[in-house]
Amino acid sequence: MGELPNAVVKRILTKHGGGMRVSGSALEQAVAAAESYLARLAQEAQRSANDNKRKTLMDSDIESARARLG
């Protein structure tokens, strides 16, 4: 089981998927994909903060991480 709440991911999928229903297996895949992306985002943002000799992630770290991840 993932750390992201299934209900939140399902709500986002439904909202941006034109109101379509979401199967249980599709929801599991979406949760896994979202958690994977957030983990990579956090790692890239941490590198940015470390490079700038900070212990706190700032919005600029997230922005640069998003740019690097695409």
PDB file of N, CA and C in Angstrom:
ATOM      1  N   MET A   1       0.841  -1.187   0.000  1.00  0.00           N
ATOM      2  CA  MET A   1       0.000   0.000   0.000  1.00  0.00           C
ATOM      3  C   MET A   1       0.879   1.242   0.000  1.00  0.00           C
ATOM      4  N   GLY A   2       0.489   2.209  -0.784  1.00  0.00           N
ATOM      5  CA  GLY A   2       1.272   3.421  -0.920  1.00  0.00           C
ATOM      6  C   GLY A   2       1.031   4.404   0.203  1.00  0.00           C
ATOM      7  N   GLU A   3       1.822   5.443   0.200  1.00  0.00           N
ATOM      8  CA  GLU A   3       1.675   6.489   1.207  1.00  0.00           C
ATOM      9  C   GLU A   3       0.663   7.546   0.808  1.00  0.00           C
ATOM     10  N   LEU A   4       0.453   7.720  -0.496  1.00  0.00           N
ATOM     11  CA  LEU A   4      -0.551   8.685  -0.949  1.00  0.00           C
ATOM     12  C   LEU A   4      -1.944   8.085  -0.756  1.00  0.00           C
ATOM     13  N   PRO A   5      -2.883   8.877  -0.270  1.00  0.00           N
ATOM     14  CA  PRO A   5      -4.245   8.365  -0.109  1.00  0.00           C
ATOM     15  C   PRO A   5      -4.883   8.060  -1.469  1.00  0.00           C
ATOM     16  N   ASN A   6      -5.423   6.861  -1.596  1.00  0.00           N
ATOM     17  CA  ASN A   6      -6.082   6.459  -2.840  1.00  0.00           C
ATOM     18  C   ASN A   6      -7.191   7.429  -3.226  1.00  0.00           C
ATOM     19  N   ALA A   7      -7.941   7.914  -2.235  1.00  0.00           N
ATOM     20  CA  ALA A   7      -9.074   8.792  -2.523  1.00  0.00           C
ATOM     21  C   ALA A   7      -8.622  10.084  -3.213  1.00  0.00           C
ATOM     22  N   VAL A   8      -7.491  10.610  -2.794  1.00  0.00           N
ATOM     23  CA  VAL A   8      -6.982  11.845  -3.391  1.00  0.00           C
ATOM     24  C   VAL A   8      -6.582  11.610  -4.840  1.00  0.00           C
ATOM     25  N   VAL A   9      -5.849  10.524  -5.072  1.00  0.00           N
ATOM     26  CA  VAL A   9      -5.402  10.207  -6.427  1.00  0.00           C
ATOM     27  C   VAL A   9      -6.604   9.927  -7.316  1.00  0.00           C
ATOM     28  N   LYS A  10      -7.582   9.196  -6.792  1.00  0.00           N
ATOM     29  CA  LYS A  10      -8.792   8.889  -7.569  1.00  0.00           C
ATOM     30  C   LYS A  10      -9.534  10.162  -7.931  1.00  0.00           C
ATOM     31  N   ARG A  11      -9.646  11.096  -6.992  1.00  0.00           N
ATOM     32  CA  ARG A  11     -10.331  12.366  -7.249  1.00  0.00           C
ATOM     33  C   ARG A  11      -9.619  13.149  -8.360  1.00  0.00           C
ATOM     34  N   ILE A  12      -8.294  13.165  -8.331  1.00  0.00           N
ATOM     35  CA  ILE A  12      -7.526  13.874  -9.366  1.00  0.00           C
ATOM     36  C   ILE A  12      -7.714  13.204 -10.717  1.00  0.00           C
ATOM     37  N   LEU A  13      -7.630  11.878 -10.745  1.00  0.00           N
ATOM     38  CA  LEU A  13      -7.836  11.147 -12.005  1.00  0.00           C
ATOM     39  C   LEU A  13      -9.224  11.394 -12.580  1.00  0.00           C
ATOM     40  N   THR A  14     -10.230  11.354 -11.743  1.00  0.00           N
ATOM     41  CA  THR A  14     -11.600  11.572 -12.192  1.00  0.00           C
ATOM     42  C   THR A  14     -11.785  12.993 -12.701  1.00  0.00           C
ATOM     43  N   LYS A  15     -11.245  13.952 -11.960  1.00  0.00           N
ATOM     44  CA  LYS A  15     -11.381  15.362 -12.338  1.00  0.00           C
ATOM     45  C   LYS A  15     -10.729  15.639 -13.686  1.00  0.00           C
ATOM     46  N   HIS A  16      -9.518  15.142 -13.876  1.00  0.00           N
ATOM     47  CA  HIS A  16      -8.771  15.439 -15.099  1.00  0.00           C
ATOM     48  C   HIS A  16      -8.975  14.393 -16.189  1.00  0.00           C
ATOM     49  N   GLY A  17      -9.728  13.376 -15.879  1.00  0.00           N
ATOM     50  CA  GLY A  17     -10.007  12.320 -16.855  1.00  0.00           C
ATOM     51  C   GLY A  17     -11.415  12.409 -17.418  1.00  0.00           C
ATOM     52  N   GLY A  18     -12.001  13.582 -17.356  1.00  0.00           N
ATOM     53  CA  GLY A  18     -13.320  13.783 -17.943  1.00  0.00           C
ATOM     54  C   GLY A  18     -14.442  13.116 -17.182  1.00  0.00           C
ATOM     55  N   GLY A  19     -14.241  12.846 -15.894  1.00  0.00           N
ATOM     56  CA  GLY A  19     -15.290  12.254 -15.082  1.00  0.00           C
ATOM     57  C   GLY A  19     -15.389  10.747 -15.195  1.00  0.00           C
ATOM     58  N   MET A  20     -14.450  10.131 -15.903  1.00  0.00           N
ATOM     59  CA  MET A  20     -14.491   8.682 -16.061  1.00  0.00           C
ATOM     60  C   MET A  20     -14.239   7.985 -14.731  1.00  0.00           C
ATOM     61  N   ARG A  21     -14.792   6.794 -14.592  1.00  0.00           N
ATOM     62  CA  ARG A  21     -14.532   5.979 -13.408  1.00  0.00           C
ATOM     63  C   ARG A  21     -13.129   5.396 -13.513  1.00  0.00           C
ATOM     64  N   VAL A  22     -12.579   4.989 -12.372  1.00  0.00           N
ATOM     65  CA  VAL A  22     -11.221   4.471 -12.314  1.00  0.00           C
ATOM     66  C   VAL A  22     -11.247   3.087 -11.679  1.00  0.00           C
ATOM     67  N   SER A  23     -10.673   2.106 -12.377  1.00  0.00           N
ATOM     68  CA  SER A  23     -10.630   0.751 -11.819  1.00  0.00           C
ATOM     69  C   SER A  23      -9.631   0.685 -10.674  1.00  0.00           C
ATOM     70  N   GLY A  24      -9.776  -0.315  -9.856  1.00  0.00           N
ATOM     71  CA  GLY A  24      -8.871  -0.494  -8.721  1.00  0.00           C
ATOM     72  C   GLY A  24      -7.429  -0.664  -9.147  1.00  0.00           C
ATOM     73  N   SER A  25      -7.207  -1.461 -10.195  1.00  0.00           N
ATOM     74  CA  SER A  25      -5.832  -1.688 -10.641  1.00  0.00           C
ATOM     75  C   SER A  25      -5.241  -0.424 -11.273  1.00  0.00           C
ATOM     76  N   ALA A  26      -6.067   0.344 -11.978  1.00  0.00           N
ATOM     77  CA  ALA A  26      -5.589   1.602 -12.554  1.00  0.00           C
ATOM     78  C   ALA A  26      -5.225   2.580 -11.440  1.00  0.00           C
ATOM     79  N   LEU A  27      -6.019   2.594 -10.395  1.00  0.00           N
ATOM     80  CA  LEU A  27      -5.746   3.467  -9.261  1.00  0.00           C
ATOM     81  C   LEU A  27      -4.425   3.087  -8.601  1.00  0.00           C
ATOM     82  N   GLU A  28      -4.185   1.793  -8.426  1.00  0.00           N
ATOM     83  CA  GLU A  28      -2.930   1.339  -7.839  1.00  0.00           C
ATOM     84  C   GLU A  28      -1.735   1.784  -8.686  1.00  0.00           C
ATOM     85  N   GLN A  29      -1.871   1.661  -9.999  1.00  0.00           N
ATOM     86  CA  GLN A  29      -0.796   2.075 -10.905  1.00  0.00           C
ATOM     87  C   GLN A  29      -0.557   3.581 -10.823  1.00  0.00           C
ATOM     88  N   ALA A  30      -1.636   4.350 -10.747  1.00  0.00           N
ATOM     89  CA  ALA A  30      -1.510   5.809 -10.672  1.00  0.00           C
ATOM     90  C   ALA A  30      -0.855   6.237  -9.354  1.00  0.00           C
ATOM     91  N   VAL A  31      -1.223   5.592  -8.263  1.00  0.00           N
ATOM     92  CA  VAL A  31      -0.619   5.907  -6.962  1.00  0.00           C
ATOM     93  C   VAL A  31       0.877   5.607  -7.006  1.00  0.00           C
ATOM     94  N   ALA A  32       1.235   4.454  -7.557  1.00  0.00           N
ATOM     95  CA  ALA A  32       2.651   4.076  -7.652  1.00  0.00           C
ATOM     96  C   ALA A  32       3.424   5.074  -8.517  1.00  0.00           C
ATOM     97  N   ALA A  33       2.839   5.487  -9.632  1.00  0.00           N
ATOM     98  CA  ALA A  33       3.496   6.438 -10.531  1.00  0.00           C
ATOM     99  C   ALA A  33       3.672   7.793  -9.848  1.00  0.00           C
ATOM    100  N   ALA A  34       2.643   8.248  -9.153  1.00  0.00           N
ATOM    101  CA  ALA A  34       2.720   9.543  -8.468  1.00  0.00           C
ATOM    102  C   ALA A  34       3.777   9.507  -7.363  1.00  0.00           C
ATOM    103  N   GLU A  35       3.807   8.422  -6.600  1.00  0.00           N
ATOM    104  CA  GLU A  35       4.795   8.309  -5.531  1.00  0.00           C
ATOM    105  C   GLU A  35       6.210   8.251  -6.098  1.00  0.00           C
ATOM    106  N   SER A  36       6.379   7.562  -7.205  1.00  0.00           N
ATOM    107  CA  SER A  36       7.689   7.482  -7.851  1.00  0.00           C
ATOM    108  C   SER A  36       8.145   8.867  -8.302  1.00  0.00           C
ATOM    109  N   TYR A  37       7.245   9.616  -8.934  1.00  0.00           N
ATOM    110  CA  TYR A  37       7.589  10.963  -9.390  1.00  0.00           C
ATOM    111  C   TYR A  37       7.936  11.860  -8.198  1.00  0.00           C
ATOM    112  N   LEU A  38       7.137  11.804  -7.141  1.00  0.00           N
ATOM    113  CA  LEU A  38       7.406  12.646  -5.973  1.00  0.00           C
ATOM    114  C   LEU A  38       8.727  12.283  -5.308  1.00  0.00           C
ATOM    115  N   ALA A  39       9.081  11.011  -5.302  1.00  0.00           N
ATOM    116  CA  ALA A  39      10.357  10.595  -4.728  1.00  0.00           C
ATOM    117  C   ALA A  39      11.518  11.171  -5.551  1.00  0.00           C
ATOM    118  N   ARG A  40      11.419  11.085  -6.877  1.00  0.00           N
ATOM    119  CA  ARG A  40      12.461  11.650  -7.736  1.00  0.00           C
ATOM    120  C   ARG A  40      12.528  13.167  -7.585  1.00  0.00           C
ATOM    121  N   LEU A  41      11.367  13.806  -7.490  1.00  0.00           N
ATOM    122  CA  LEU A  41      11.306  15.255  -7.303  1.00  0.00           C
ATOM    123  C   LEU A  41      11.994  15.650  -5.998  1.00  0.00           C
ATOM    124  N   ALA A  42      11.725  14.925  -4.937  1.00  0.00           N
ATOM    125  CA  ALA A  42      12.334  15.219  -3.637  1.00  0.00           C
ATOM    126  C   ALA A  42      13.846  15.050  -3.685  1.00  0.00           C
ATOM    127  N   GLN A  43      14.317  14.011  -4.360  1.00  0.00           N
ATOM    128  CA  GLN A  43      15.758  13.783  -4.461  1.00  0.00           C
ATOM    129  C   GLN A  43      16.444  14.906  -5.237  1.00  0.00           C
ATOM    130  N   GLU A  44      15.838  15.315  -6.341  1.00  0.00           N
ATOM    131  CA  GLU A  44      16.411  16.413  -7.132  1.00  0.00           C
ATOM    132  C   GLU A  44      16.376  17.729  -6.355  1.00  0.00           C
ATOM    133  N   ALA A  45      15.282  17.976  -5.657  1.00  0.00           N
ATOM    134  CA  ALA A  45      15.176  19.200  -4.869  1.00  0.00           C
ATOM    135  C   ALA A  45      16.198  19.199  -3.734  1.00  0.00           C
ATOM    136  N   GLN A  46      16.424  18.038  -3.136  1.00  0.00           N
ATOM    137  CA  GLN A  46      17.427  17.935  -2.075  1.00  0.00           C
ATOM    138  C   GLN A  46      18.819  18.256  -2.624  1.00  0.00           C
ATOM    139  N   ARG A  47      19.126  17.766  -3.817  1.00  0.00           N
ATOM    140  CA  ARG A  47      20.421  18.081  -4.431  1.00  0.00           C
ATOM    141  C   ARG A  47      20.582  19.596  -4.594  1.00  0.00           C
ATOM    142  N   SER A  48      19.511  20.238  -5.034  1.00  0.00           N
ATOM    143  CA  SER A  48      19.558  21.683  -5.224  1.00  0.00           C
ATOM    144  C   SER A  48      19.801  22.399  -3.895  1.00  0.00           C
ATOM    145  N   ALA A  49      19.091  21.994  -2.862  1.00  0.00           N
ATOM    146  CA  ALA A  49      19.271  22.611  -1.543  1.00  0.00           C
ATOM    147  C   ALA A  49      20.680  22.360  -1.021  1.00  0.00           C
ATOM    148  N   ASN A  50      21.170  21.129  -1.186  1.00  0.00           N
ATOM    149  CA  ASN A  50      22.527  20.817  -0.739  1.00  0.00           C
ATOM    150  C   ASN A  50      23.565  21.641  -1.491  1.00  0.00           C
ATOM    151  N   ASP A  51      23.372  21.791  -2.801  1.00  0.00           N
ATOM    152  CA  ASP A  51      24.297  22.589  -3.603  1.00  0.00           C
ATOM    153  C   ASP A  51      24.347  24.033  -3.114  1.00  0.00           C
ATOM    154  N   ASN A  52      23.230  24.504  -2.583  1.00  0.00           N
ATOM    155  CA  ASN A  52      23.149  25.880  -2.070  1.00  0.00           C
ATOM    156  C   ASN A  52      23.385  25.941  -0.558  1.00  0.00           C
ATOM    157  N   LYS A  53      23.888  24.836  -0.011  1.00  0.00           N
ATOM    158  CA  LYS A  53      24.258  24.744   1.404  1.00  0.00           C
ATOM    159  C   LYS A  53      23.099  25.080   2.343  1.00  0.00           C
ATOM    160  N   ARG A  54      21.928  24.546   1.995  1.00  0.00           N
ATOM    161  CA  ARG A  54      20.745  24.732   2.840  1.00  0.00           C
ATOM    162  C   ARG A  54      20.220  23.383   3.288  1.00  0.00           C
ATOM    163  N   LYS A  55      19.521  23.387   4.420  1.00  0.00           N
ATOM    164  CA  LYS A  55      18.876  22.181   4.927  1.00  0.00           C
ATOM    165  C   LYS A  55      17.370  22.222   4.723  1.00  0.00           C
ATOM    166  N   THR A  56      16.898  23.307   4.139  1.00  0.00           N
ATOM    167  CA  THR A  56      15.465  23.498   3.916  1.00  0.00           C
ATOM    168  C   THR A  56      15.187  23.548   2.423  1.00  0.00           C
ATOM    169  N   LEU A  57      14.195  22.761   1.977  1.00  0.00           N
ATOM    170  CA  LEU A  57      13.779  22.819   0.588  1.00  0.00           C
ATOM    171  C   LEU A  57      12.967  24.089   0.371  1.00  0.00           C
ATOM    172  N   MET A  58      13.324  24.822  -0.664  1.00  0.00           N
ATOM    173  CA  MET A  58      12.629  26.056  -1.005  1.00  0.00           C
ATOM    174  C   MET A  58      11.879  25.852  -2.317  1.00  0.00           C
ATOM    175  N   ASP A  59      10.986  26.783  -2.626  1.00  0.00           N
ATOM    176  CA  ASP A  59      10.236  26.673  -3.870  1.00  0.00           C
ATOM    177  C   ASP A  59      11.161  26.659  -5.079  1.00  0.00           C
ATOM    178  N   SER A  60      12.268  27.359  -4.998  1.00  0.00           N
ATOM    179  CA  SER A  60      13.221  27.365  -6.113  1.00  0.00           C
ATOM    180  C   SER A  60      13.834  25.979  -6.326  1.00  0.00           C
ATOM    181  N   ASP A  61      14.007  25.214  -5.259  1.00  0.00           N
ATOM    182  CA  ASP A  61      14.526  23.849  -5.377  1.00  0.00           C
ATOM    183  C   ASP A  61      13.525  22.959  -6.106  1.00  0.00           C
ATOM    184  N   ILE A  62      12.257  23.124  -5.764  1.00  0.00           N
ATOM    185  CA  ILE A  62      11.207  22.341  -6.426  1.00  0.00           C
ATOM    186  C   ILE A  62      11.112  22.730  -7.897  1.00  0.00           C
ATOM    187  N   GLU A  63      11.171  24.025  -8.181  1.00  0.00           N
ATOM    188  CA  GLU A  63      11.103  24.490  -9.560  1.00  0.00           C
ATOM    189  C   GLU A  63      12.257  23.947 -10.397  1.00  0.00           C
ATOM    190  N   SER A  64      13.464  23.994  -9.857  1.00  0.00           N
ATOM    191  CA  SER A  64      14.603  23.490 -10.624  1.00  0.00           C
ATOM    192  C   SER A  64      14.527  21.972 -10.765  1.00  0.00           C
ATOM    193  N   ALA A  65      14.033  21.277  -9.753  1.00  0.00           N
ATOM    194  CA  ALA A  65      13.865  19.832  -9.840  1.00  0.00           C
ATOM    195  C   ALA A  65      12.839  19.474 -10.913  1.00  0.00           C
ATOM    196  N   ARG A  66      11.752  20.219 -10.970  1.00  0.00           N
ATOM    197  CA  ARG A  66      10.738  19.974 -11.994  1.00  0.00           C
ATOM    198  C   ARG A  66      11.294  20.192 -13.385  1.00  0.00           C
ATOM    199  N   ALA A  67      12.114  21.224 -13.537  1.00  0.00           N
ATOM    200  CA  ALA A  67      12.718  21.512 -14.839  1.00  0.00           C
ATOM    201  C   ALA A  67      13.662  20.382 -15.253  1.00  0.00           C
ATOM    202  N   ARG A  68      14.428  19.852 -14.301  1.00  0.00           N
ATOM    203  CA  ARG A  68      15.366  18.773 -14.636  1.00  0.00           C
ATOM    204  C   ARG A  68      14.632  17.466 -14.944  1.00  0.00           C
ATOM    205  N   LEU A  69      13.533  17.219 -14.243  1.00  0.00           N
ATOM    206  CA  LEU A  69      12.797  15.966 -14.453  1.00  0.00           C
ATOM    207  C   LEU A  69      11.928  16.005 -15.693  1.00  0.00           C
ATOM    208  N   GLY A  70      11.567  17.188 -16.114  1.00  0.00           N
ATOM    209  CA  GLY A  70      10.754  17.321 -17.309  1.00  0.00           C
ATOM    210  C   GLY A  70       9.284  17.192 -17.102  1.00  0.00           C
TER     211      GLY A  70
END
